[in-house]
N, C-alpha and C. Protein backbone atom coordinates (compact mmCIF):
# COMPACT_ATOMS: atom_id res chain seq x y z
N UNK A 1 91.51 -42.45 97.06
CA UNK A 1 92.51 -41.52 96.56
C UNK A 1 93.74 -41.59 97.45
N UNK A 2 94.89 -41.71 96.88
CA UNK A 2 96.12 -41.78 97.64
C UNK A 2 97.01 -40.59 97.31
N UNK A 3 97.77 -40.18 98.30
CA UNK A 3 98.78 -39.15 98.09
C UNK A 3 100.12 -39.85 98.18
N UNK A 4 100.96 -39.65 97.18
CA UNK A 4 102.25 -40.30 97.17
C UNK A 4 103.33 -39.32 97.60
N UNK A 5 104.20 -39.79 98.48
CA UNK A 5 105.23 -38.92 99.04
C UNK A 5 106.61 -39.27 98.53
N UNK A 6 106.79 -40.46 98.09
CA UNK A 6 108.10 -40.86 97.63
C UNK A 6 108.23 -40.47 96.16
N UNK A 7 109.43 -40.37 95.70
CA UNK A 7 109.63 -40.02 94.30
C UNK A 7 109.98 -38.56 94.14
N UNK A 8 109.57 -37.98 93.02
CA UNK A 8 109.97 -36.62 92.67
C UNK A 8 109.56 -35.59 93.71
N UNK A 9 108.33 -35.67 94.20
CA UNK A 9 107.89 -34.65 95.16
C UNK A 9 108.68 -34.74 96.46
N UNK A 10 109.10 -35.91 96.85
CA UNK A 10 109.87 -36.06 98.09
C UNK A 10 111.28 -35.51 97.92
N UNK A 11 111.79 -35.49 96.69
CA UNK A 11 113.15 -35.00 96.47
C UNK A 11 113.27 -33.52 96.83
N UNK A 12 112.16 -32.77 96.74
CA UNK A 12 112.19 -31.36 97.13
C UNK A 12 112.57 -31.20 98.59
N UNK A 13 112.27 -32.21 99.38
CA UNK A 13 112.53 -32.15 100.81
C UNK A 13 113.68 -33.07 101.21
N UNK A 14 114.60 -33.30 100.30
CA UNK A 14 115.65 -34.28 100.53
C UNK A 14 116.53 -33.96 101.73
N UNK A 15 116.66 -32.66 102.08
CA UNK A 15 117.48 -32.32 103.24
C UNK A 15 116.72 -32.54 104.54
N UNK A 16 115.43 -32.78 104.43
CA UNK A 16 114.59 -33.02 105.60
C UNK A 16 114.35 -34.51 105.77
N UNK A 17 113.73 -34.84 106.87
CA UNK A 17 113.35 -36.23 107.08
C UNK A 17 112.29 -36.63 106.06
N UNK A 18 112.20 -37.91 105.79
CA UNK A 18 111.14 -38.40 104.92
C UNK A 18 109.82 -38.43 105.68
N UNK A 19 108.74 -38.60 104.96
CA UNK A 19 107.43 -38.71 105.59
C UNK A 19 107.45 -39.83 106.64
N UNK A 20 107.97 -40.98 106.25
CA UNK A 20 108.02 -42.12 107.17
C UNK A 20 108.82 -41.82 108.43
N UNK A 21 109.93 -41.10 108.27
CA UNK A 21 110.74 -40.74 109.44
C UNK A 21 109.99 -39.77 110.35
N UNK A 22 109.26 -38.82 109.75
CA UNK A 22 108.47 -37.89 110.57
C UNK A 22 107.36 -38.63 111.30
N UNK A 23 106.72 -39.56 110.61
CA UNK A 23 105.66 -40.35 111.22
C UNK A 23 106.23 -41.16 112.39
N UNK A 24 107.35 -41.81 112.17
CA UNK A 24 107.98 -42.59 113.24
C UNK A 24 108.34 -41.70 114.43
N UNK A 25 108.92 -40.55 114.14
CA UNK A 25 109.30 -39.60 115.19
C UNK A 25 108.08 -39.17 116.02
N UNK A 26 107.01 -38.81 115.33
CA UNK A 26 105.80 -38.36 116.02
C UNK A 26 105.16 -39.48 116.83
N UNK A 27 105.14 -40.69 116.27
CA UNK A 27 104.57 -41.84 116.98
C UNK A 27 105.37 -42.15 118.23
N UNK A 28 106.69 -42.17 118.11
CA UNK A 28 107.54 -42.46 119.27
C UNK A 28 107.44 -41.37 120.33
N UNK A 29 107.33 -40.13 119.87
CA UNK A 29 107.19 -39.02 120.81
C UNK A 29 105.94 -39.19 121.66
N UNK A 30 104.90 -39.77 121.08
CA UNK A 30 103.66 -40.06 121.80
C UNK A 30 103.78 -41.33 122.65
N UNK A 31 104.92 -42.02 122.52
CA UNK A 31 105.12 -43.25 123.29
C UNK A 31 104.24 -44.39 122.78
N UNK A 32 103.97 -44.38 121.50
CA UNK A 32 103.05 -45.33 120.91
C UNK A 32 103.80 -46.34 120.04
N UNK A 33 103.37 -47.58 120.08
CA UNK A 33 103.95 -48.60 119.21
C UNK A 33 103.24 -48.56 117.85
N UNK A 34 103.83 -49.23 116.88
CA UNK A 34 103.19 -49.34 115.57
C UNK A 34 101.85 -50.05 115.70
N UNK A 35 101.79 -51.07 116.54
CA UNK A 35 100.55 -51.81 116.71
C UNK A 35 99.47 -50.93 117.34
N UNK A 36 99.84 -50.14 118.34
CA UNK A 36 98.86 -49.25 118.98
C UNK A 36 98.30 -48.25 117.97
N UNK A 37 99.18 -47.65 117.18
CA UNK A 37 98.72 -46.69 116.17
C UNK A 37 97.86 -47.40 115.13
N UNK A 38 98.29 -48.59 114.72
CA UNK A 38 97.53 -49.36 113.73
C UNK A 38 96.11 -49.61 114.21
N UNK A 39 95.96 -50.03 115.45
CA UNK A 39 94.61 -50.32 115.98
C UNK A 39 93.76 -49.06 116.03
N UNK A 40 94.36 -47.91 116.40
CA UNK A 40 93.61 -46.65 116.42
C UNK A 40 93.19 -46.23 115.01
N UNK A 41 93.96 -46.66 114.02
CA UNK A 41 93.64 -46.36 112.62
C UNK A 41 92.67 -47.37 112.02
N UNK A 42 92.36 -48.42 112.78
CA UNK A 42 91.42 -49.42 112.30
C UNK A 42 92.05 -50.64 111.66
N UNK A 43 93.36 -50.77 111.75
CA UNK A 43 94.04 -51.95 111.21
C UNK A 43 94.17 -52.99 112.32
N UNK A 44 94.23 -54.26 111.93
CA UNK A 44 94.32 -55.33 112.93
C UNK A 44 95.76 -55.69 113.30
N UNK A 45 96.71 -55.37 112.43
CA UNK A 45 98.12 -55.66 112.73
C UNK A 45 98.95 -54.39 112.53
N UNK A 46 100.21 -54.47 112.94
CA UNK A 46 101.10 -53.31 112.81
C UNK A 46 101.68 -53.20 111.40
N UNK A 47 101.39 -54.16 110.55
CA UNK A 47 101.97 -54.20 109.21
C UNK A 47 101.71 -52.95 108.38
N UNK A 48 100.50 -52.42 108.45
CA UNK A 48 100.16 -51.25 107.64
C UNK A 48 100.98 -50.04 108.05
N UNK A 49 101.08 -49.78 109.35
CA UNK A 49 101.87 -48.65 109.82
C UNK A 49 103.35 -48.88 109.50
N UNK A 50 103.80 -50.10 109.65
CA UNK A 50 105.19 -50.44 109.32
C UNK A 50 105.47 -50.13 107.85
N UNK A 51 104.55 -50.47 106.97
CA UNK A 51 104.70 -50.21 105.54
C UNK A 51 104.69 -48.71 105.23
N UNK A 52 103.82 -47.98 105.94
CA UNK A 52 103.74 -46.53 105.74
C UNK A 52 105.04 -45.88 106.20
N UNK A 53 105.51 -46.27 107.40
CA UNK A 53 106.75 -45.68 107.93
C UNK A 53 107.95 -46.00 107.05
N UNK A 54 107.95 -47.17 106.45
CA UNK A 54 109.06 -47.58 105.59
C UNK A 54 108.98 -46.93 104.21
N UNK A 55 107.88 -46.25 103.93
CA UNK A 55 107.74 -45.59 102.63
C UNK A 55 107.29 -46.52 101.53
N UNK A 56 106.83 -47.71 101.90
CA UNK A 56 106.42 -48.69 100.90
C UNK A 56 104.96 -48.54 100.49
N UNK A 57 104.13 -48.05 101.41
CA UNK A 57 102.71 -47.87 101.13
C UNK A 57 102.29 -46.48 101.57
N UNK A 58 101.93 -45.63 100.63
CA UNK A 58 101.48 -44.29 101.02
C UNK A 58 100.07 -44.34 101.61
N UNK A 59 99.81 -43.58 102.66
CA UNK A 59 98.47 -43.57 103.24
C UNK A 59 97.52 -42.71 102.41
N UNK A 60 96.23 -43.04 102.47
CA UNK A 60 95.27 -42.17 101.78
C UNK A 60 95.00 -40.94 102.65
N UNK A 61 94.28 -40.00 102.11
CA UNK A 61 94.05 -38.72 102.77
C UNK A 61 93.35 -38.91 104.12
N UNK A 62 92.37 -39.79 104.18
CA UNK A 62 91.65 -40.01 105.44
C UNK A 62 92.57 -40.57 106.52
N UNK A 63 93.43 -41.48 106.14
CA UNK A 63 94.39 -42.05 107.11
C UNK A 63 95.38 -40.97 107.55
N UNK A 64 95.83 -40.15 106.61
CA UNK A 64 96.73 -39.04 106.96
C UNK A 64 96.10 -38.14 108.01
N UNK A 65 94.86 -37.76 107.78
CA UNK A 65 94.16 -36.88 108.73
C UNK A 65 94.02 -37.56 110.09
N UNK A 66 93.70 -38.85 110.09
CA UNK A 66 93.58 -39.60 111.36
C UNK A 66 94.92 -39.65 112.09
N UNK A 67 95.98 -39.91 111.34
CA UNK A 67 97.32 -39.98 111.95
C UNK A 67 97.67 -38.66 112.62
N UNK A 68 97.49 -37.55 111.89
CA UNK A 68 97.80 -36.24 112.44
C UNK A 68 96.97 -35.96 113.69
N UNK A 69 95.71 -36.35 113.65
CA UNK A 69 94.83 -36.14 114.81
C UNK A 69 95.25 -37.00 116.00
N UNK A 70 95.51 -38.26 115.77
CA UNK A 70 95.91 -39.18 116.84
C UNK A 70 97.23 -38.74 117.47
N UNK A 71 98.18 -38.36 116.63
CA UNK A 71 99.51 -38.00 117.13
C UNK A 71 99.61 -36.51 117.50
N UNK A 72 98.52 -35.78 117.31
CA UNK A 72 98.45 -34.34 117.56
C UNK A 72 99.65 -33.59 116.97
N UNK A 73 99.81 -33.77 115.65
CA UNK A 73 100.85 -33.06 114.93
C UNK A 73 100.21 -32.26 113.79
N UNK A 74 100.92 -31.26 113.33
CA UNK A 74 100.50 -30.46 112.21
C UNK A 74 100.52 -31.33 110.95
N UNK A 75 99.38 -31.46 110.29
CA UNK A 75 99.29 -32.31 109.10
C UNK A 75 100.26 -31.84 108.01
N UNK A 76 100.37 -30.55 107.82
CA UNK A 76 101.28 -30.02 106.81
C UNK A 76 102.72 -30.43 107.12
N UNK A 77 103.11 -30.34 108.39
CA UNK A 77 104.45 -30.77 108.78
C UNK A 77 104.63 -32.25 108.51
N UNK A 78 103.63 -33.05 108.87
CA UNK A 78 103.74 -34.49 108.69
C UNK A 78 103.98 -34.83 107.22
N UNK A 79 103.29 -34.14 106.33
CA UNK A 79 103.41 -34.42 104.90
C UNK A 79 104.69 -33.85 104.30
N UNK A 80 105.00 -32.58 104.63
CA UNK A 80 106.09 -31.89 103.93
C UNK A 80 107.37 -31.71 104.74
N UNK A 81 107.25 -31.75 106.06
CA UNK A 81 108.42 -31.47 106.89
C UNK A 81 108.57 -30.00 107.23
N UNK A 82 107.62 -29.18 106.77
CA UNK A 82 107.64 -27.76 107.10
C UNK A 82 106.32 -27.40 107.77
N UNK A 83 106.35 -26.35 108.54
CA UNK A 83 105.15 -25.95 109.27
C UNK A 83 104.10 -25.34 108.35
N UNK A 84 102.86 -25.50 108.74
CA UNK A 84 101.78 -24.84 108.01
C UNK A 84 101.81 -23.35 108.32
N UNK A 85 101.16 -22.58 107.50
CA UNK A 85 101.12 -21.13 107.73
C UNK A 85 100.48 -20.81 109.07
N UNK A 86 99.50 -21.60 109.46
CA UNK A 86 98.83 -21.36 110.75
C UNK A 86 99.81 -21.48 111.91
N UNK A 87 100.66 -22.50 111.87
CA UNK A 87 101.64 -22.68 112.93
C UNK A 87 102.68 -21.56 112.90
N UNK A 88 103.09 -21.18 111.70
CA UNK A 88 104.07 -20.11 111.57
C UNK A 88 103.51 -18.79 112.11
N UNK A 89 102.22 -18.54 111.85
CA UNK A 89 101.58 -17.33 112.37
C UNK A 89 101.36 -17.39 113.88
N UNK A 90 101.23 -18.56 114.40
CA UNK A 90 100.98 -18.75 115.83
C UNK A 90 102.14 -18.26 116.70
N UNK A 91 103.35 -18.51 116.26
CA UNK A 91 104.51 -18.20 117.09
C UNK A 91 104.59 -16.72 117.49
N UNK A 92 104.58 -15.76 116.56
CA UNK A 92 104.69 -14.36 116.99
C UNK A 92 103.50 -13.91 117.85
N UNK A 93 102.32 -14.43 117.55
CA UNK A 93 101.16 -14.07 118.36
C UNK A 93 101.30 -14.59 119.79
N UNK A 94 101.75 -15.82 119.90
CA UNK A 94 101.93 -16.40 121.23
C UNK A 94 103.04 -15.68 122.00
N UNK A 95 104.12 -15.34 121.32
CA UNK A 95 105.21 -14.62 121.97
C UNK A 95 104.73 -13.25 122.44
N UNK A 96 103.96 -12.56 121.60
CA UNK A 96 103.40 -11.26 122.00
C UNK A 96 102.50 -11.42 123.22
N UNK A 97 101.66 -12.42 123.20
CA UNK A 97 100.76 -12.68 124.33
C UNK A 97 101.57 -12.96 125.60
N UNK A 98 102.60 -13.77 125.49
CA UNK A 98 103.45 -14.06 126.65
C UNK A 98 104.18 -12.82 127.14
N UNK A 99 104.60 -11.96 126.22
CA UNK A 99 105.24 -10.69 126.61
C UNK A 99 104.27 -9.82 127.41
N UNK A 100 103.02 -9.78 126.98
CA UNK A 100 102.02 -9.01 127.72
C UNK A 100 101.81 -9.57 129.12
N UNK A 101 101.76 -10.89 129.23
CA UNK A 101 101.60 -11.51 130.55
C UNK A 101 102.83 -11.25 131.42
N UNK A 102 104.01 -11.22 130.79
CA UNK A 102 105.24 -10.91 131.53
C UNK A 102 105.19 -9.48 132.06
N UNK A 103 104.63 -8.57 131.28
CA UNK A 103 104.45 -7.19 131.75
C UNK A 103 103.49 -7.15 132.94
N UNK A 104 102.44 -7.97 132.89
CA UNK A 104 101.52 -8.06 134.03
C UNK A 104 102.25 -8.54 135.27
N UNK A 105 103.11 -9.54 135.10
CA UNK A 105 103.89 -10.07 136.22
C UNK A 105 104.79 -8.99 136.80
N UNK A 106 105.46 -8.24 135.93
CA UNK A 106 106.35 -7.17 136.37
C UNK A 106 105.58 -6.11 137.15
N UNK A 107 104.40 -5.73 136.67
CA UNK A 107 103.58 -4.74 137.37
C UNK A 107 103.16 -5.25 138.75
N UNK A 108 102.76 -6.52 138.82
CA UNK A 108 102.37 -7.08 140.11
C UNK A 108 103.54 -7.15 141.08
N UNK A 109 104.72 -7.50 140.57
CA UNK A 109 105.91 -7.54 141.44
C UNK A 109 106.26 -6.14 141.96
N UNK A 110 106.11 -5.15 141.09
CA UNK A 110 106.36 -3.76 141.49
C UNK A 110 105.36 -3.34 142.57
N UNK A 111 104.09 -3.68 142.35
CA UNK A 111 103.07 -3.35 143.34
C UNK A 111 103.35 -4.06 144.67
N UNK A 112 103.77 -5.32 144.59
CA UNK A 112 104.09 -6.08 145.79
C UNK A 112 105.25 -5.42 146.54
N UNK A 113 106.28 -5.01 145.83
CA UNK A 113 107.42 -4.35 146.46
C UNK A 113 106.99 -3.03 147.11
N UNK A 114 106.12 -2.28 146.43
CA UNK A 114 105.60 -1.03 146.96
C UNK A 114 104.81 -1.28 148.25
N UNK A 115 103.98 -2.32 148.22
CA UNK A 115 103.19 -2.65 149.43
C UNK A 115 104.10 -3.05 150.60
N UNK A 116 105.15 -3.76 150.32
CA UNK A 116 106.08 -4.17 151.39
C UNK A 116 106.78 -2.95 151.99
N UNK A 117 107.13 -1.99 151.14
CA UNK A 117 107.75 -0.75 151.65
C UNK A 117 106.75 -0.02 152.54
N UNK A 118 105.50 0.08 152.08
CA UNK A 118 104.48 0.76 152.87
C UNK A 118 104.22 0.03 154.19
N UNK A 119 104.25 -1.29 154.15
CA UNK A 119 104.07 -2.06 155.38
C UNK A 119 105.21 -1.79 156.37
N UNK A 120 106.40 -1.60 155.83
CA UNK A 120 107.54 -1.32 156.72
C UNK A 120 107.37 0.01 157.44
N UNK A 121 106.50 0.88 156.89
CA UNK A 121 106.21 2.16 157.54
C UNK A 121 104.92 2.09 158.37
N UNK A 122 104.42 0.88 158.58
CA UNK A 122 103.27 0.71 159.47
C UNK A 122 101.94 0.56 158.77
N UNK A 123 101.88 0.72 157.47
CA UNK A 123 100.62 0.51 156.76
C UNK A 123 100.43 -0.99 156.56
N UNK A 124 99.20 -1.47 156.74
CA UNK A 124 98.94 -2.90 156.60
C UNK A 124 98.15 -3.16 155.32
N UNK A 125 98.68 -4.05 154.50
CA UNK A 125 98.03 -4.41 153.24
C UNK A 125 98.08 -5.92 153.03
N UNK A 126 97.94 -6.68 154.08
CA UNK A 126 98.09 -8.14 154.02
C UNK A 126 97.20 -8.82 153.01
N UNK A 127 95.92 -8.46 152.94
CA UNK A 127 95.02 -9.14 152.00
C UNK A 127 95.40 -8.84 150.55
N UNK A 128 95.84 -7.63 150.27
CA UNK A 128 96.27 -7.30 148.91
C UNK A 128 97.53 -8.07 148.54
N UNK A 129 98.44 -8.23 149.50
CA UNK A 129 99.65 -9.03 149.25
C UNK A 129 99.27 -10.46 148.87
N UNK A 130 98.33 -11.02 149.62
CA UNK A 130 97.88 -12.40 149.32
C UNK A 130 97.24 -12.47 147.94
N UNK A 131 96.46 -11.46 147.61
CA UNK A 131 95.81 -11.40 146.30
C UNK A 131 96.85 -11.34 145.18
N UNK A 132 97.85 -10.51 145.36
CA UNK A 132 98.92 -10.38 144.35
C UNK A 132 99.70 -11.68 144.22
N UNK A 133 100.01 -12.31 145.34
CA UNK A 133 100.74 -13.59 145.28
C UNK A 133 99.94 -14.64 144.52
N UNK A 134 98.62 -14.67 144.75
CA UNK A 134 97.77 -15.61 144.02
C UNK A 134 97.77 -15.30 142.52
N UNK A 135 97.67 -14.02 142.18
CA UNK A 135 97.69 -13.62 140.77
C UNK A 135 99.03 -13.97 140.12
N UNK A 136 100.12 -13.73 140.84
CA UNK A 136 101.44 -14.07 140.30
C UNK A 136 101.56 -15.56 140.05
N UNK A 137 101.12 -16.35 141.00
CA UNK A 137 101.17 -17.81 140.85
C UNK A 137 100.36 -18.26 139.63
N UNK A 138 99.16 -17.71 139.50
CA UNK A 138 98.30 -18.06 138.37
C UNK A 138 98.95 -17.67 137.04
N UNK A 139 99.50 -16.47 136.99
CA UNK A 139 100.16 -16.02 135.75
C UNK A 139 101.38 -16.87 135.41
N UNK A 140 102.17 -17.24 136.42
CA UNK A 140 103.34 -18.09 136.17
C UNK A 140 102.91 -19.45 135.62
N UNK A 141 101.91 -20.05 136.24
CA UNK A 141 101.43 -21.36 135.77
C UNK A 141 100.85 -21.26 134.36
N UNK A 142 100.11 -20.19 134.10
CA UNK A 142 99.53 -19.98 132.78
C UNK A 142 100.63 -19.84 131.72
N UNK A 143 101.62 -19.01 132.00
CA UNK A 143 102.72 -18.80 131.04
C UNK A 143 103.49 -20.10 130.80
N UNK A 144 103.71 -20.87 131.86
CA UNK A 144 104.39 -22.15 131.70
C UNK A 144 103.60 -23.08 130.78
N UNK A 145 102.28 -23.14 130.99
CA UNK A 145 101.44 -24.01 130.18
C UNK A 145 101.43 -23.57 128.72
N UNK A 146 101.34 -22.27 128.48
CA UNK A 146 101.34 -21.76 127.10
C UNK A 146 102.68 -22.06 126.43
N UNK A 147 103.79 -21.81 127.14
CA UNK A 147 105.12 -22.10 126.57
C UNK A 147 105.27 -23.58 126.26
N UNK A 148 104.82 -24.43 127.18
CA UNK A 148 104.94 -25.87 126.98
C UNK A 148 104.14 -26.30 125.75
N UNK A 149 102.89 -25.84 125.66
CA UNK A 149 102.04 -26.21 124.53
C UNK A 149 102.63 -25.72 123.21
N UNK A 150 103.06 -24.48 123.19
CA UNK A 150 103.63 -23.92 121.97
C UNK A 150 104.92 -24.64 121.59
N UNK A 151 105.76 -24.92 122.56
CA UNK A 151 107.00 -25.62 122.25
C UNK A 151 106.75 -27.03 121.73
N UNK A 152 105.69 -27.68 122.20
CA UNK A 152 105.36 -29.01 121.67
C UNK A 152 105.01 -28.92 120.20
N UNK A 153 104.26 -27.89 119.82
CA UNK A 153 103.90 -27.70 118.41
C UNK A 153 105.15 -27.33 117.61
N UNK A 154 105.94 -26.39 118.13
CA UNK A 154 107.11 -25.92 117.39
C UNK A 154 108.23 -26.95 117.34
N UNK A 155 108.28 -27.84 118.33
CA UNK A 155 109.33 -28.85 118.37
C UNK A 155 109.28 -29.72 117.11
N UNK A 156 108.08 -29.98 116.64
CA UNK A 156 107.93 -30.79 115.44
C UNK A 156 108.61 -30.17 114.22
N UNK A 157 108.70 -28.85 114.20
CA UNK A 157 109.31 -28.18 113.04
C UNK A 157 110.71 -27.66 113.37
N UNK A 158 111.26 -28.09 114.49
CA UNK A 158 112.63 -27.74 114.84
C UNK A 158 112.80 -26.34 115.39
N UNK A 159 111.75 -25.77 115.97
CA UNK A 159 111.83 -24.42 116.56
C UNK A 159 111.37 -24.48 118.01
N UNK A 160 111.58 -23.37 118.71
CA UNK A 160 111.08 -23.23 120.06
C UNK A 160 110.98 -21.75 120.38
N UNK A 161 110.39 -21.46 121.55
CA UNK A 161 110.33 -20.06 121.99
C UNK A 161 111.21 -19.90 123.20
């Protein structure tokens, strides 16, 4: 069974990149050659991927799924040029989650500032300061990783956080 992208159905997305252009973009973003992708798909030469990218040979559903998996892209985006509902739903949830972590960071910074003031009056809280610094570092690294991952997904559909 083959899914065809060129022709009438592709005209709906005429202002967007073609399937072949999206495939090429995703492959290059992964730093992969046509031959490398071809071999991962089970082809012996780069000709098949070249034909797919050029819009001359539409891939079957199994190849489409393999391509999306290998290139770690949203299959719906690869086919249509628009994000799947799952990706669209992901953004506000991730932003809310990051906002909550930012509130945690703010609370820890406030506690750290409070501890420093108390230390200036002779109270010692060194171990708690170290604990807070470790938590802040962990939260910063976590937020960076989440933002990076989400932006990689959203970059495919022309968005970011």
